[in-house]
Amino acid sequence: MSIYTWFGFLGPAKMPASITDRLNGEVVRALATSFVKERLQGAEFVGSSPQAFSTLVRADMKRWAGVVEAAGIERE
């Protein structure tokens, strides 16, 4: 099993698609700059779509649900 860390931006439910798309575009552009790449050496930048990120988050929630349950971790 591979374990990895990801970072992403999340907004409120039902945020307008125009805002989501604008924020996504700006983040993807920032990740492509040498300024960001030089400061975060060793990181792999994906800059995926909002839909792909949503799929990743949901898959990871499902993937780790058993571990969370076995450890007795509860949401606040």
PDB file of N, CA and C in Angstrom:
ATOM      1  N   MET A   1       0.839  -1.172   0.000  1.00  0.00           N
ATOM      2  CA  MET A   1       0.000   0.000   0.000  1.00  0.00           C
ATOM      3  C   MET A   1       0.889   1.241   0.000  1.00  0.00           C
ATOM      4  N   SER A   2       0.563   2.198  -0.829  1.00  0.00           N
ATOM      5  CA  SER A   2       1.279   3.467  -0.871  1.00  0.00           C
ATOM      6  C   SER A   2       0.587   4.480   0.032  1.00  0.00           C
ATOM      7  N   ILE A   3       1.398   5.255   0.703  1.00  0.00           N
ATOM      8  CA  ILE A   3       0.872   6.326   1.531  1.00  0.00           C
ATOM      9  C   ILE A   3       1.476   7.624   1.023  1.00  0.00           C
ATOM     10  N   TYR A   4       0.659   8.624   0.867  1.00  0.00           N
ATOM     11  CA  TYR A   4       1.114   9.904   0.344  1.00  0.00           C
ATOM     12  C   TYR A   4       0.342  11.021   1.035  1.00  0.00           C
ATOM     13  N   THR A   5       0.838  12.207   0.887  1.00  0.00           N
ATOM     14  CA  THR A   5       0.186  13.387   1.432  1.00  0.00           C
ATOM     15  C   THR A   5      -0.225  14.276   0.279  1.00  0.00           C
ATOM     16  N   TRP A   6      -1.382  14.849   0.378  1.00  0.00           N
ATOM     17  CA  TRP A   6      -1.809  15.811  -0.623  1.00  0.00           C
ATOM     18  C   TRP A   6      -2.292  17.073   0.073  1.00  0.00           C
ATOM     19  N   PHE A   7      -2.259  18.142  -0.663  1.00  0.00           N
ATOM     20  CA  PHE A   7      -2.749  19.423  -0.170  1.00  0.00           C
ATOM     21  C   PHE A   7      -3.723  19.960  -1.196  1.00  0.00           C
ATOM     22  N   GLY A   8      -4.742  20.636  -0.753  1.00  0.00           N
ATOM     23  CA  GLY A   8      -5.706  21.208  -1.676  1.00  0.00           C
ATOM     24  C   GLY A   8      -6.493  22.315  -1.009  1.00  0.00           C
ATOM     25  N   PHE A   9      -7.225  23.010  -1.827  1.00  0.00           N
ATOM     26  CA  PHE A   9      -8.089  24.075  -1.345  1.00  0.00           C
ATOM     27  C   PHE A   9      -9.526  23.578  -1.356  1.00  0.00           C
ATOM     28  N   LEU A  10     -10.241  23.860  -0.286  1.00  0.00           N
ATOM     29  CA  LEU A  10     -11.648  23.486  -0.186  1.00  0.00           C
ATOM     30  C   LEU A  10     -12.457  24.752   0.066  1.00  0.00           C
ATOM     31  N   GLY A  11     -13.636  24.785  -0.505  1.00  0.00           N
ATOM     32  CA  GLY A  11     -14.512  25.938  -0.320  1.00  0.00           C
ATOM     33  C   GLY A  11     -15.849  25.484   0.228  1.00  0.00           C
ATOM     34  N   PRO A  12     -16.724  26.428   0.444  1.00  0.00           N
ATOM     35  CA  PRO A  12     -18.040  26.078   0.977  1.00  0.00           C
ATOM     36  C   PRO A  12     -18.857  25.269  -0.032  1.00  0.00           C
ATOM     37  N   ALA A  13     -19.757  24.464   0.483  1.00  0.00           N
ATOM     38  CA  ALA A  13     -20.639  23.690  -0.385  1.00  0.00           C
ATOM     39  C   ALA A  13     -21.405  24.639  -1.296  1.00  0.00           C
ATOM     40  N   LYS A  14     -21.621  24.207  -2.501  1.00  0.00           N
ATOM     41  CA  LYS A  14     -22.392  24.960  -3.498  1.00  0.00           C
ATOM     42  C   LYS A  14     -21.746  26.289  -3.878  1.00  0.00           C
ATOM     43  N   MET A  15     -20.405  26.368  -3.752  1.00  0.00           N
ATOM     44  CA  MET A  15     -19.715  27.558  -4.215  1.00  0.00           C
ATOM     45  C   MET A  15     -19.910  27.643  -5.732  1.00  0.00           C
ATOM     46  N   PRO A  16     -20.171  28.815  -6.262  1.00  0.00           N
ATOM     47  CA  PRO A  16     -20.395  28.932  -7.704  1.00  0.00           C
ATOM     48  C   PRO A  16     -19.214  28.381  -8.517  1.00  0.00           C
ATOM     49  N   ALA A  17     -19.540  27.673  -9.577  1.00  0.00           N
ATOM     50  CA  ALA A  17     -18.507  27.064 -10.430  1.00  0.00           C
ATOM     51  C   ALA A  17     -17.547  28.112 -10.974  1.00  0.00           C
ATOM     52  N   SER A  18     -18.036  29.306 -11.233  1.00  0.00           N
ATOM     53  CA  SER A  18     -17.156  30.357 -11.773  1.00  0.00           C
ATOM     54  C   SER A  18     -16.043  30.699 -10.783  1.00  0.00           C
ATOM     55  N   ILE A  19     -16.355  30.708  -9.500  1.00  0.00           N
ATOM     56  CA  ILE A  19     -15.342  30.997  -8.476  1.00  0.00           C
ATOM     57  C   ILE A  19     -14.403  29.810  -8.337  1.00  0.00           C
ATOM     58  N   THR A  20     -14.956  28.610  -8.301  1.00  0.00           N
ATOM     59  CA  THR A  20     -14.127  27.402  -8.212  1.00  0.00           C
ATOM     60  C   THR A  20     -13.142  27.338  -9.370  1.00  0.00           C
ATOM     61  N   ASP A  21     -13.636  27.576 -10.572  1.00  0.00           N
ATOM     62  CA  ASP A  21     -12.774  27.518 -11.760  1.00  0.00           C
ATOM     63  C   ASP A  21     -11.694  28.590 -11.723  1.00  0.00           C
ATOM     64  N   ARG A  22     -12.050  29.775 -11.280  1.00  0.00           N
ATOM     65  CA  ARG A  22     -11.060  30.865 -11.206  1.00  0.00           C
ATOM     66  C   ARG A  22      -9.971  30.538 -10.193  1.00  0.00           C
ATOM     67  N   LEU A  23     -10.376  30.094  -9.001  1.00  0.00           N
ATOM     68  CA  LEU A  23      -9.389  29.737  -7.975  1.00  0.00           C
ATOM     69  C   LEU A  23      -8.500  28.598  -8.448  1.00  0.00           C
ATOM     70  N   ASN A  24      -9.118  27.588  -9.073  1.00  0.00           N
ATOM     71  CA  ASN A  24      -8.343  26.458  -9.572  1.00  0.00           C
ATOM     72  C   ASN A  24      -7.312  26.926 -10.605  1.00  0.00           C
ATOM     73  N   GLY A  25      -7.731  27.760 -11.525  1.00  0.00           N
ATOM     74  CA  GLY A  25      -6.812  28.260 -12.549  1.00  0.00           C
ATOM     75  C   GLY A  25      -5.640  29.023 -11.958  1.00  0.00           C
ATOM     76  N   GLU A  26      -5.906  29.846 -10.956  1.00  0.00           N
ATOM     77  CA  GLU A  26      -4.843  30.620 -10.319  1.00  0.00           C
ATOM     78  C   GLU A  26      -3.866  29.718  -9.564  1.00  0.00           C
ATOM     79  N   VAL A  27      -4.386  28.715  -8.876  1.00  0.00           N
ATOM     80  CA  VAL A  27      -3.512  27.793  -8.143  1.00  0.00           C
ATOM     81  C   VAL A  27      -2.652  26.992  -9.122  1.00  0.00           C
ATOM     82  N   VAL A  28      -3.242  26.488 -10.183  1.00  0.00           N
ATOM     83  CA  VAL A  28      -2.486  25.725 -11.179  1.00  0.00           C
ATOM     84  C   VAL A  28      -1.388  26.599 -11.780  1.00  0.00           C
ATOM     85  N   ARG A  29      -1.703  27.850 -12.087  1.00  0.00           N
ATOM     86  CA  ARG A  29      -0.683  28.761 -12.635  1.00  0.00           C
ATOM     87  C   ARG A  29       0.436  29.003 -11.624  1.00  0.00           C
ATOM     88  N   ALA A  30       0.066  29.193 -10.355  1.00  0.00           N
ATOM     89  CA  ALA A  30       1.082  29.428  -9.326  1.00  0.00           C
ATOM     90  C   ALA A  30       1.997  28.216  -9.163  1.00  0.00           C
ATOM     91  N   LEU A  31       1.418  27.017  -9.193  1.00  0.00           N
ATOM     92  CA  LEU A  31       2.229  25.803  -9.035  1.00  0.00           C
ATOM     93  C   LEU A  31       3.218  25.618 -10.183  1.00  0.00           C
ATOM     94  N   ALA A  32       2.928  26.196 -11.321  1.00  0.00           N
ATOM     95  CA  ALA A  32       3.796  26.051 -12.483  1.00  0.00           C
ATOM     96  C   ALA A  32       4.968  27.035 -12.479  1.00  0.00           C
ATOM     97  N   THR A  33       4.971  27.985 -11.561  1.00  0.00           N
ATOM     98  CA  THR A  33       6.027  28.991 -11.554  1.00  0.00           C
ATOM     99  C   THR A  33       7.308  28.454 -10.924  1.00  0.00           C
ATOM    100  N   SER A  34       8.425  28.978 -11.393  1.00  0.00           N
ATOM    101  CA  SER A  34       9.711  28.572 -10.819  1.00  0.00           C
ATOM    102  C   SER A  34       9.812  29.034  -9.368  1.00  0.00           C
ATOM    103  N   PHE A  35       9.180  30.155  -9.035  1.00  0.00           N
ATOM    104  CA  PHE A  35       9.192  30.664  -7.660  1.00  0.00           C
ATOM    105  C   PHE A  35       8.670  29.613  -6.685  1.00  0.00           C
ATOM    106  N   VAL A  36       7.527  29.022  -6.996  1.00  0.00           N
ATOM    107  CA  VAL A  36       6.932  28.015  -6.113  1.00  0.00           C
ATOM    108  C   VAL A  36       7.752  26.731  -6.146  1.00  0.00           C
ATOM    109  N   LYS A  37       8.135  26.282  -7.332  1.00  0.00           N
ATOM    110  CA  LYS A  37       8.887  25.031  -7.458  1.00  0.00           C
ATOM    111  C   LYS A  37      10.210  25.078  -6.700  1.00  0.00           C
ATOM    112  N   GLU A  38      10.897  26.215  -6.735  1.00  0.00           N
ATOM    113  CA  GLU A  38      12.186  26.349  -6.043  1.00  0.00           C
ATOM    114  C   GLU A  38      12.013  26.286  -4.530  1.00  0.00           C
ATOM    115  N   ARG A  39      10.916  26.786  -4.022  1.00  0.00           N
ATOM    116  CA  ARG A  39      10.698  26.824  -2.582  1.00  0.00           C
ATOM    117  C   ARG A  39      10.128  25.532  -2.020  1.00  0.00           C
ATOM    118  N   LEU A  40       9.509  24.762  -2.848  1.00  0.00           N
ATOM    119  CA  LEU A  40       8.926  23.500  -2.398  1.00  0.00           C
ATOM    120  C   LEU A  40       9.596  22.334  -3.115  1.00  0.00           C
ATOM    121  N   GLN A  41      10.912  22.327  -3.068  1.00  0.00           N
ATOM    122  CA  GLN A  41      11.683  21.280  -3.735  1.00  0.00           C
ATOM    123  C   GLN A  41      11.305  19.911  -3.217  1.00  0.00           C
ATOM    124  N   GLY A  42      11.223  18.965  -4.126  1.00  0.00           N
ATOM    125  CA  GLY A  42      10.909  17.596  -3.764  1.00  0.00           C
ATOM    126  C   GLY A  42       9.427  17.287  -3.805  1.00  0.00           C
ATOM    127  N   ALA A  43       8.609  18.311  -3.938  1.00  0.00           N
ATOM    128  CA  ALA A  43       7.166  18.101  -4.009  1.00  0.00           C
ATOM    129  C   ALA A  43       6.767  17.827  -5.456  1.00  0.00           C
ATOM    130  N   GLU A  44       5.769  16.993  -5.613  1.00  0.00           N
ATOM    131  CA  GLU A  44       5.224  16.716  -6.941  1.00  0.00           C
ATOM    132  C   GLU A  44       3.954  17.535  -7.099  1.00  0.00           C
ATOM    133  N   PHE A  45       3.942  18.409  -8.074  1.00  0.00           N
ATOM    134  CA  PHE A  45       2.798  19.290  -8.292  1.00  0.00           C
ATOM    135  C   PHE A  45       1.871  18.677  -9.321  1.00  0.00           C
ATOM    136  N   VAL A  46       0.622  18.515  -8.951  1.00  0.00           N
ATOM    137  CA  VAL A  46      -0.345  17.919  -9.859  1.00  0.00           C
ATOM    138  C   VAL A  46      -1.230  18.993 -10.466  1.00  0.00           C
ATOM    139  N   GLY A  47      -1.828  19.831  -9.646  1.00  0.00           N
ATOM    140  CA  GLY A  47      -2.689  20.875 -10.157  1.00  0.00           C
ATOM    141  C   GLY A  47      -3.842  20.327 -10.978  1.00  0.00           C
ATOM    142  N   SER A  48      -4.589  19.415 -10.397  1.00  0.00           N
ATOM    143  CA  SER A  48      -5.681  18.756 -11.111  1.00  0.00           C
ATOM    144  C   SER A  48      -6.930  19.639 -11.161  1.00  0.00           C
ATOM    145  N   SER A  49      -7.965  19.105 -11.748  1.00  0.00           N
ATOM    146  CA  SER A  49      -9.240  19.808 -11.831  1.00  0.00           C
ATOM    147  C   SER A  49      -9.994  19.670 -10.510  1.00  0.00           C
ATOM    148  N   PRO A  50     -10.975  20.540 -10.268  1.00  0.00           N
ATOM    149  CA  PRO A  50     -11.795  20.395  -9.071  1.00  0.00           C
ATOM    150  C   PRO A  50     -12.472  19.024  -8.999  1.00  0.00           C
ATOM    151  N   GLN A  51     -12.909  18.516 -10.127  1.00  0.00           N
ATOM    152  CA  GLN A  51     -13.566  17.211 -10.150  1.00  0.00           C
ATOM    153  C   GLN A  51     -12.588  16.088  -9.782  1.00  0.00           C
ATOM    154  N   ALA A  52     -11.367  16.147 -10.307  1.00  0.00           N
ATOM    155  CA  ALA A  52     -10.367  15.128  -9.982  1.00  0.00           C
ATOM    156  C   ALA A  52      -9.990  15.186  -8.510  1.00  0.00           C
ATOM    157  N   PHE A  53      -9.890  16.396  -7.960  1.00  0.00           N
ATOM    158  CA  PHE A  53      -9.559  16.533  -6.545  1.00  0.00           C
ATOM    159  C   PHE A  53     -10.683  15.978  -5.678  1.00  0.00           C
ATOM    160  N   SER A  54     -11.915  16.255  -6.051  1.00  0.00           N
ATOM    161  CA  SER A  54     -13.061  15.716  -5.320  1.00  0.00           C
ATOM    162  C   SER A  54     -13.038  14.186  -5.323  1.00  0.00           C
ATOM    163  N   THR A  55     -12.720  13.615  -6.455  1.00  0.00           N
ATOM    164  CA  THR A  55     -12.629  12.157  -6.561  1.00  0.00           C
ATOM    165  C   THR A  55     -11.531  11.625  -5.654  1.00  0.00           C
ATOM    166  N   LEU A  56     -10.383  12.301  -5.619  1.00  0.00           N
ATOM    167  CA  LEU A  56      -9.272  11.895  -4.757  1.00  0.00           C
ATOM    168  C   LEU A  56      -9.672  11.950  -3.287  1.00  0.00           C
ATOM    169  N   VAL A  57     -10.299  13.042  -2.883  1.00  0.00           N
ATOM    170  CA  VAL A  57     -10.699  13.197  -1.472  1.00  0.00           C
ATOM    171  C   VAL A  57     -11.676  12.098  -1.073  1.00  0.00           C
ATOM    172  N   ARG A  58     -12.669  11.861  -1.915  1.00  0.00           N
ATOM    173  CA  ARG A  58     -13.671  10.835  -1.607  1.00  0.00           C
ATOM    174  C   ARG A  58     -13.040   9.436  -1.554  1.00  0.00           C
ATOM    175  N   ALA A  59     -12.115   9.167  -2.463  1.00  0.00           N
ATOM    176  CA  ALA A  59     -11.437   7.861  -2.476  1.00  0.00           C
ATOM    177  C   ALA A  59     -10.595   7.684  -1.209  1.00  0.00           C
ATOM    178  N   ASP A  60      -9.902   8.738  -0.794  1.00  0.00           N
ATOM    179  CA  ASP A  60      -9.090   8.636   0.423  1.00  0.00           C
ATOM    180  C   ASP A  60      -9.961   8.486   1.668  1.00  0.00           C
ATOM    181  N   MET A  61     -11.098   9.155   1.698  1.00  0.00           N
ATOM    182  CA  MET A  61     -12.009   8.985   2.842  1.00  0.00           C
ATOM    183  C   MET A  61     -12.462   7.536   2.932  1.00  0.00           C
ATOM    184  N   LYS A  62     -12.783   6.966   1.810  1.00  0.00           N
ATOM    185  CA  LYS A  62     -13.204   5.562   1.775  1.00  0.00           C
ATOM    186  C   LYS A  62     -12.033   4.636   2.133  1.00  0.00           C
ATOM    187  N   ARG A  63     -10.853   4.960   1.596  1.00  0.00           N
ATOM    188  CA  ARG A  63      -9.658   4.139   1.814  1.00  0.00           C
ATOM    189  C   ARG A  63      -9.293   4.050   3.291  1.00  0.00           C
ATOM    190  N   TRP A  64      -9.399   5.176   3.994  1.00  0.00           N
ATOM    191  CA  TRP A  64      -8.935   5.226   5.383  1.00  0.00           C
ATOM    192  C   TRP A  64     -10.051   5.044   6.407  1.00  0.00           C
ATOM    193  N   ALA A  65     -11.270   4.850   5.984  1.00  0.00           N
ATOM    194  CA  ALA A  65     -12.399   4.721   6.911  1.00  0.00           C
ATOM    195  C   ALA A  65     -12.190   3.578   7.906  1.00  0.00           C
ATOM    196  N   GLY A  66     -11.686   2.453   7.455  1.00  0.00           N
ATOM    197  CA  GLY A  66     -11.461   1.313   8.342  1.00  0.00           C
ATOM    198  C   GLY A  66     -10.412   1.605   9.399  1.00  0.00           C
ATOM    199  N   VAL A  67      -9.365   2.311   9.017  1.00  0.00           N
ATOM    200  CA  VAL A  67      -8.305   2.666   9.964  1.00  0.00           C
ATOM    201  C   VAL A  67      -8.861   3.623  11.016  1.00  0.00           C
ATOM    202  N   VAL A  68      -9.618   4.593  10.565  1.00  0.00           N
ATOM    203  CA  VAL A  68     -10.222   5.568  11.485  1.00  0.00           C
ATOM    204  C   VAL A  68     -11.149   4.875  12.470  1.00  0.00           C
ATOM    205  N   GLU A  69     -11.963   3.978  11.950  1.00  0.00           N
ATOM    206  CA  GLU A  69     -12.892   3.252  12.819  1.00  0.00           C
ATOM    207  C   GLU A  69     -12.146   2.366  13.810  1.00  0.00           C
ATOM    208  N   ALA A  70     -11.147   1.621  13.331  1.00  0.00           N
ATOM    209  CA  ALA A  70     -10.382   0.738  14.214  1.00  0.00           C
ATOM    210  C   ALA A  70      -9.643   1.494  15.316  1.00  0.00           C
ATOM    211  N   ALA A  71      -9.237   2.717  14.999  1.00  0.00           N
ATOM    212  CA  ALA A  71      -8.517   3.528  15.979  1.00  0.00           C
ATOM    213  C   ALA A  71      -9.475   4.269  16.915  1.00  0.00           C
ATOM    214  N   GLY A  72     -10.772   4.200  16.629  1.00  0.00           N
ATOM    215  CA  GLY A  72     -11.736   4.868  17.482  1.00  0.00           C
ATOM    216  C   GLY A  72     -11.730   6.387  17.332  1.00  0.00           C
ATOM    217  N   ILE A  73     -11.291   6.870  16.185  1.00  0.00           N
ATOM    218  CA  ILE A  73     -11.236   8.315  15.962  1.00  0.00           C
ATOM    219  C   ILE A  73     -12.647   8.801  15.628  1.00  0.00           C
ATOM    220  N   GLU A  74     -13.035   9.888  16.295  1.00  0.00           N
ATOM    221  CA  GLU A  74     -14.369  10.459  16.084  1.00  0.00           C
ATOM    222  C   GLU A  74     -14.256  11.884  15.597  1.00  0.00           C
ATOM    223  N   ARG A  75     -15.225  12.284  14.799  1.00  0.00           N
ATOM    224  CA  ARG A  75     -15.294  13.662  14.326  1.00  0.00           C
ATOM    225  C   ARG A  75     -15.868  14.542  15.436  1.00  0.00           C
ATOM    226  N   GLU A  76     -15.424  15.765  15.482  1.00  0.00           N
ATOM    227  CA  GLU A  76     -15.969  16.726  16.444  1.00  0.00           C
ATOM    228  C   GLU A  76     -17.074  17.508  15.811  1.00  0.00           C
TER     229      GLU A  76
END
